């Protein structure tokens, strides 16, 4: 079946603290950046000069792959504040061994890489999070294990932050301490975008004590910032500024069906021809590079242009298909 559909996946299960951020060698790409990944602002490693572009696991993780049947439904939605509505995944695995079942426990970390046989050993990351609930039930002749997972689940639920800062400390400094706390608990930084708001200093001593997620949300709200976790990494950025980031080219042959407009109907009758196009939605074959941290470029057609991803629904069925993602976007009009 894998040969027929070309689908390929790897699911790793282990301790959250064992997740590793990998720094590629400086020769990560021999030539220009591949056409699919038009990314003039790829973050580089200060250690190697190469790209910091994926997470990996150590030898303690258990690996599940084909021919075990796997179905995953993953939902990403850009938050309006902090990660009060974190990204989620429902992953189903068929007929697991007793030994593997023993490793599937609440709060275990799961890392799902998915792509195609042609990708070889370098499958892109589809989801990384922790298990909130696990159950195994019979479905016909099969025993199906269902994992309900949340990105950053353990961190959001349990990490506490206690510290105080004197007058004169910048918000940059304070935010970086919170970012470090996430990194120390297995969630490395994807991107932190500074602004004139974060370079300001506190006017008097401030103290924090409580759950890190709540404290970061409150601080971001006060600065008109937003934070979220996507594919295992933390992003902290202004709410009101489009961010310079990866721009992924979506070509017509990768789109399933048509690109549909999303119209801004605020104050305008829905049937009016005057309602402006706010963004687009489309379905494409699964591309693990697409996430909340990236923009997409529709390369041709009536809706050609750059778009900011607001919502993703990913459906992966290894044995039977589909192997797709559905995206809802907003048009990007300018860049910082």
Protein backbone atom coordinates (compact mmCIF):
# COMPACT_ATOMS: atom_id res chain seq x y z
CA UNK A 1 0.00 0.00 0.00
CA UNK A 2 2.86 2.38 0.75
CA UNK A 3 4.18 1.82 -2.78
CA UNK A 4 0.73 2.50 -4.27
CA UNK A 5 0.14 5.78 -2.49
CA UNK A 6 3.72 6.86 -1.77
CA UNK A 7 2.79 7.84 1.79
CA UNK A 8 5.37 7.57 4.54
CA UNK A 9 5.30 8.39 8.25
CA UNK A 10 7.30 7.95 11.45
CA UNK A 11 5.77 8.41 14.90
CA UNK A 12 8.15 8.73 17.86
CA UNK A 13 7.13 8.43 21.51
CA UNK A 14 9.26 9.41 24.49
CA UNK A 15 10.03 11.90 27.24
CA UNK A 16 9.40 15.60 26.40
CA UNK A 17 12.75 16.64 27.87
CA UNK A 18 14.58 14.42 25.34
CA UNK A 19 13.53 16.49 22.31
CA UNK A 20 16.50 18.05 20.52
CA UNK A 21 16.76 21.13 18.29
CA UNK A 22 19.05 20.33 15.35
CA UNK A 23 21.43 22.78 13.68
CA UNK A 24 22.09 21.78 10.09
CA UNK A 25 25.57 22.07 8.65
CA UNK A 26 26.37 25.27 6.79
CA UNK A 27 26.18 23.27 3.55
CA UNK A 28 22.54 22.34 4.16
CA UNK A 29 21.70 23.30 0.58
CA UNK A 30 24.39 22.91 -2.08
CA UNK A 31 22.64 25.22 -4.51
CA UNK A 32 19.90 27.83 -4.12
CA UNK A 33 17.08 27.24 -1.66
CA UNK A 34 14.76 24.59 -3.21
CA UNK A 35 11.92 26.07 -5.32
CA UNK A 36 9.25 24.85 -2.89
CA UNK A 37 10.89 26.67 0.01
CA UNK A 38 11.37 30.29 -0.98
CA UNK A 39 12.65 31.55 2.36
CA UNK A 40 14.88 34.62 2.27
CA UNK A 41 14.62 34.92 6.06
CA UNK A 42 15.39 31.38 7.19
CA UNK A 43 16.77 31.48 10.73
CA UNK A 44 20.39 30.33 10.90
CA UNK A 45 22.33 28.71 13.68
CA UNK A 46 24.97 30.75 15.48
CA UNK A 47 26.76 27.44 16.05
CA UNK A 48 27.15 26.27 12.46
CA UNK A 49 25.88 29.00 10.16
CA UNK A 50 23.43 26.44 8.78
CA UNK A 51 19.66 26.45 9.01
CA UNK A 52 17.84 25.63 12.25
CA UNK A 53 14.94 23.81 10.69
CA UNK A 54 13.84 20.70 12.50
CA UNK A 55 13.53 18.81 15.75
CA UNK A 56 14.75 15.28 16.37
CA UNK A 57 14.73 12.65 19.08
CA UNK A 58 17.32 10.54 20.83
CA UNK A 59 17.68 6.77 21.14
CA UNK A 60 15.26 6.54 24.08
CA UNK A 61 12.23 7.21 21.85
CA UNK A 62 10.11 4.33 20.53
CA UNK A 63 9.44 4.45 16.78
CA UNK A 64 6.19 3.39 15.07
CA UNK A 65 6.02 3.29 11.28
CA UNK A 66 4.51 1.33 8.38
CA UNK A 67 3.15 -1.25 7.89
CA UNK A 68 1.24 -0.23 11.03
CA UNK A 69 -1.82 1.68 9.85
CA UNK A 70 -1.94 5.29 11.08
CA UNK A 71 -4.66 7.92 10.74
CA UNK A 72 -4.03 11.46 11.99
CA UNK A 73 -6.29 14.51 12.07
CA UNK A 74 -4.42 17.65 13.09
CA UNK A 75 -5.87 21.13 13.60
CA UNK A 76 -3.93 24.39 13.71
CA UNK A 77 -5.55 27.77 14.30
CA UNK A 78 -3.78 31.08 14.84
CA UNK A 79 -4.62 32.31 18.35
CA UNK A 80 -5.80 35.82 19.14
CA UNK A 81 -3.95 35.92 22.45
CA UNK A 82 -1.87 33.19 24.10
CA UNK A 83 -2.21 29.47 23.59
CA UNK A 84 -5.54 29.31 25.41
CA UNK A 85 -6.79 27.16 22.53
CA UNK A 86 -3.72 25.06 21.73
CA UNK A 87 -3.27 23.03 18.57
CA UNK A 88 -4.57 19.48 18.74
CA UNK A 89 -4.21 16.12 17.03
CA UNK A 90 -6.13 12.85 17.08
CA UNK A 91 -3.88 9.96 16.07
CA UNK A 92 -5.14 6.41 15.56
CA UNK A 93 -2.81 3.41 15.42
CA UNK A 94 -3.89 -0.11 14.51
CA UNK A 95 -2.94 -3.42 16.17
CA UNK A 96 0.00 -2.29 18.27
CA UNK A 97 2.10 -4.72 20.26
CA UNK A 98 1.74 -4.91 24.03
CA UNK A 99 5.25 -3.48 24.43
CA UNK A 100 4.41 -0.44 22.32
CA UNK A 101 1.12 0.07 24.15
CA UNK A 102 3.01 0.28 27.43
CA UNK A 103 4.91 3.32 26.14
CA UNK A 104 1.73 5.20 25.22
CA UNK A 105 0.99 6.97 28.48
CA UNK A 106 -0.49 10.31 29.43
CA UNK A 107 2.01 13.18 29.13
CA UNK A 108 4.33 11.21 26.82
CA UNK A 109 5.68 13.23 23.90
CA UNK A 110 4.68 12.24 20.37
CA UNK A 111 6.50 13.49 17.28
CA UNK A 112 4.91 12.73 13.90
CA UNK A 113 6.98 13.07 10.74
CA UNK A 114 5.05 12.56 7.51
CA UNK A 115 5.69 12.86 3.80
CA UNK A 116 6.34 10.62 0.84
CA UNK A 117 8.58 7.71 -0.10
CA UNK A 118 10.57 10.03 -2.35
CA UNK A 119 11.57 12.07 0.72
CA UNK A 120 13.82 9.24 1.88
CA UNK A 121 14.87 9.56 5.50
CA UNK A 122 14.18 13.31 5.78
CA UNK A 123 10.45 13.48 6.43
CA UNK A 124 9.03 16.88 7.42
CA UNK A 125 7.46 17.39 10.82
CA UNK A 126 3.66 17.22 10.87
CA UNK A 127 2.99 17.49 14.63
CA UNK A 128 4.73 17.36 17.98
CA UNK A 129 2.87 17.42 21.28
CA UNK A 130 1.99 15.47 24.38
CA UNK A 131 -0.62 12.82 25.02
CA UNK A 132 -3.68 14.00 26.97
CA UNK A 133 -5.61 10.74 26.73
CA UNK A 134 -5.04 7.27 25.30
CA UNK A 135 -7.51 4.42 24.78
CA UNK A 136 -7.68 1.17 22.82
CA UNK A 137 -10.96 -0.17 21.45
CA UNK A 138 -11.91 -2.94 19.01
CA UNK A 139 -13.05 -1.82 15.55
CA UNK A 140 -14.07 -4.90 13.58
CA UNK A 141 -11.03 -7.20 13.40
CA UNK A 142 -8.65 -4.44 14.57
CA UNK A 143 -7.59 -3.07 17.93
CA UNK A 144 -7.41 0.70 17.43
CA UNK A 145 -5.43 2.90 19.83
CA UNK A 146 -6.49 6.55 19.86
CA UNK A 147 -4.18 9.29 21.11
CA UNK A 148 -5.65 12.71 21.93
CA UNK A 149 -2.70 15.10 21.80
CA UNK A 150 -2.00 18.79 22.42
CA UNK A 151 0.97 20.85 21.25
CA UNK A 152 2.93 21.97 24.26
CA UNK A 153 0.47 20.16 26.50
CA UNK A 154 2.74 19.54 29.49
CA UNK A 155 4.28 22.99 29.29
CA UNK A 156 0.95 24.77 29.06
CA UNK A 157 -0.57 22.74 31.88
CA UNK A 158 2.21 22.54 34.42
CA UNK A 159 5.32 24.73 33.94
CA UNK A 160 5.52 27.43 36.58
CA UNK A 161 7.46 30.66 36.39
CA UNK A 162 8.68 32.57 39.45
CA UNK A 163 10.94 35.60 39.12
CA UNK A 164 11.16 39.34 39.71
CA UNK A 165 12.85 42.16 37.82
CA UNK A 166 13.98 45.60 38.96
CA UNK A 167 13.04 48.92 37.44
CA UNK A 168 14.89 49.40 34.16
CA UNK A 169 14.72 45.83 32.87
CA UNK A 170 13.43 45.70 29.31
CA UNK A 171 10.46 43.65 28.25
CA UNK A 172 12.82 41.98 25.78
CA UNK A 173 14.87 40.66 28.70
CA UNK A 174 11.79 39.43 30.58
CA UNK A 175 10.29 37.74 27.51
CA UNK A 176 13.58 36.01 26.77
CA UNK A 177 13.62 34.57 30.30
CA UNK A 178 10.16 33.10 29.73
CA UNK A 179 11.23 31.81 26.33
CA UNK A 180 14.23 30.12 27.97
CA UNK A 181 11.90 28.45 30.47
CA UNK A 182 9.95 26.92 27.59
CA UNK A 183 13.17 25.77 25.93
CA UNK A 184 14.37 24.16 29.17
CA UNK A 185 11.16 22.13 29.14
CA UNK A 186 11.47 20.82 25.58
CA UNK A 187 9.91 23.65 23.52
CA UNK A 188 12.67 25.56 21.69
CA UNK A 189 12.21 28.99 20.19
CA UNK A 190 10.92 29.24 16.65
CA UNK A 191 10.99 33.02 16.46
CA UNK A 192 10.80 36.06 18.74
CA UNK A 193 10.05 39.33 16.99
CA UNK A 194 11.21 42.44 18.84
CA UNK A 195 9.51 45.83 18.50
CA UNK A 196 9.60 49.28 20.05
CA UNK A 197 7.16 47.94 22.64
CA UNK A 198 9.51 45.23 23.89
CA UNK A 199 12.58 47.47 23.99
CA UNK A 200 10.86 49.62 26.63
CA UNK A 201 11.82 49.21 30.28
CA UNK A 202 9.56 48.49 33.23
CA UNK A 203 8.89 51.58 35.35
CA UNK A 204 8.99 49.77 38.67
CA UNK A 205 9.90 46.37 40.04
CA UNK A 206 7.72 43.56 38.72
CA UNK A 207 7.24 40.05 40.09
CA UNK A 208 5.74 36.96 38.49
CA UNK A 209 4.53 33.75 40.10
CA UNK A 210 2.23 31.18 38.52
CA UNK A 211 1.75 29.11 35.40
CA UNK A 212 4.13 30.18 32.66
CA UNK A 213 1.49 30.03 29.92
CA UNK A 214 -0.85 32.37 31.81
CA UNK A 215 1.95 34.81 32.73
CA UNK A 216 3.22 34.95 29.15
CA UNK A 217 -0.32 35.47 27.84
CA UNK A 218 -0.93 38.37 30.25
CA UNK A 219 2.39 40.00 29.40
CA UNK A 220 1.79 39.59 25.67
CA UNK A 221 -1.69 41.08 26.01
CA UNK A 222 -0.25 44.13 27.76
CA UNK A 223 2.19 44.62 24.86
CA UNK A 224 -0.37 43.81 22.16
CA UNK A 225 1.61 40.66 21.34
CA UNK A 226 0.58 37.06 20.71
CA UNK A 227 2.35 33.75 21.31
CA UNK A 228 1.71 30.26 20.06
CA UNK A 229 3.36 26.86 19.67
CA UNK A 230 3.52 25.32 16.20
CA UNK A 231 5.23 22.03 15.38
CA UNK A 232 7.00 21.98 18.71
CA UNK A 233 8.44 25.51 18.61
CA UNK A 234 7.46 28.72 20.36
CA UNK A 235 6.61 31.91 18.44
CA UNK A 236 6.23 35.33 20.11
CA UNK A 237 5.27 38.26 17.86
CA UNK A 238 3.20 41.47 17.60
CA UNK A 239 -0.49 40.98 16.88
CA UNK A 240 -0.65 43.78 14.37
CA UNK A 241 2.48 43.26 12.26
CA UNK A 242 2.87 40.73 9.47
CA UNK A 243 6.05 38.85 10.19
CA UNK A 244 8.88 38.21 7.78
CA UNK A 245 9.01 34.42 7.57
CA UNK A 246 9.09 31.44 5.21
CA UNK A 247 7.21 31.89 1.95
CA UNK A 248 6.16 28.54 0.48
CA UNK A 249 5.19 28.41 -3.17
CA UNK A 250 1.98 26.52 -3.93
CA UNK A 251 1.78 25.59 -7.60
CA UNK A 252 -1.43 24.64 -9.48
CA UNK A 253 -0.48 20.95 -9.79
CA UNK A 254 -0.39 20.64 -5.98
CA UNK A 255 -3.86 22.12 -5.44
CA UNK A 256 -6.81 19.74 -5.24
CA UNK A 257 -9.88 21.32 -6.82
CA UNK A 258 -10.01 25.11 -6.88
CA UNK A 259 -8.79 28.03 -4.81
CA UNK A 260 -11.85 29.67 -3.22
CA UNK A 261 -12.03 33.30 -2.07
CA UNK A 262 -12.83 34.24 1.52
CA UNK A 263 -14.62 37.58 1.42
CA UNK A 264 -14.68 40.30 4.04
CA UNK A 265 -18.42 40.80 4.54
CA UNK A 266 -18.31 43.10 7.56
CA UNK A 267 -21.04 45.69 7.00
CA UNK A 268 -21.70 44.43 3.46
CA UNK A 269 -24.57 42.15 2.38
CA UNK A 270 -23.18 38.68 1.70
CA UNK A 271 -24.55 38.67 -1.85
CA UNK A 272 -22.99 42.01 -2.74
CA UNK A 273 -20.34 42.00 -5.45
CA UNK A 274 -18.60 44.75 -3.47
CA UNK A 275 -17.53 42.46 -0.65
CA UNK A 276 -13.74 42.44 -0.91
CA UNK A 277 -11.61 39.30 -1.01
CA UNK A 278 -10.01 38.93 2.42
CA UNK A 279 -8.12 35.73 1.73
CA UNK A 280 -8.40 32.32 0.13
CA UNK A 281 -8.95 28.71 1.14
CA UNK A 282 -7.68 25.67 -0.68
CA UNK A 283 -6.87 21.98 -0.34
CA UNK A 284 -3.46 20.63 -1.31
CA UNK A 285 -1.48 17.44 -1.06
CA UNK A 286 0.20 17.29 2.33
CA UNK A 287 3.25 19.52 2.64
CA UNK A 288 4.92 19.39 6.03
CA UNK A 289 6.60 22.76 5.52
CA UNK A 290 3.25 24.57 5.75
CA UNK A 291 2.36 25.82 9.22
CA UNK A 292 1.18 28.84 11.18
CA UNK A 293 4.75 30.13 11.09
CA UNK A 294 4.80 30.34 7.29
CA UNK A 295 3.25 32.29 4.45
CA UNK A 296 2.14 30.67 1.23
CA UNK A 297 2.45 32.06 -2.27
CA UNK A 298 -0.22 31.11 -4.80
CA UNK A 299 1.91 31.25 -7.91
CA UNK A 300 -0.74 31.46 -10.64
CA UNK A 301 -4.39 32.20 -11.34
CA UNK A 302 -6.98 34.74 -10.24
CA UNK A 303 -5.80 34.66 -6.62
CA UNK A 304 -2.04 34.76 -7.18
CA UNK A 305 -0.26 36.42 -4.27
CA UNK A 306 1.10 35.95 -0.75
CA UNK A 307 -1.13 34.75 2.10
CA UNK A 308 -0.82 34.39 5.87
CA UNK A 309 -2.09 31.06 7.17
CA UNK A 310 -4.86 31.36 9.77
CA UNK A 311 -6.15 27.80 9.96
CA UNK A 312 -4.98 24.34 8.90
CA UNK A 313 -6.81 21.02 8.91
CA UNK A 314 -4.51 18.09 8.13
CA UNK A 315 -5.86 14.60 7.34
CA UNK A 316 -3.35 11.77 7.00
CA UNK A 317 -4.47 8.18 6.31
CA UNK A 318 -1.40 6.08 5.58
CA UNK A 319 -3.06 3.04 4.03
CA UNK A 320 -6.10 4.44 2.28
CA UNK A 321 -5.71 8.20 1.83
CA UNK A 322 -6.40 11.09 1.98
CA UNK A 323 -2.98 12.67 2.57
CA UNK A 324 -3.97 16.33 2.42
CA UNK A 325 -4.17 19.65 4.18
CA UNK A 326 -6.86 22.33 4.00
CA UNK A 327 -5.76 25.92 4.56
CA UNK A 328 -7.62 29.14 5.30
CA UNK A 329 -5.60 32.30 4.79
CA UNK A 330 -5.58 36.09 4.72
CA UNK A 331 -3.88 38.19 2.09
CA UNK A 332 -0.54 39.73 3.03
CA UNK A 333 -0.44 43.35 1.92
CA UNK A 334 2.93 44.44 3.29
CA UNK A 335 5.96 43.07 5.12
CA UNK A 336 7.90 44.36 8.10
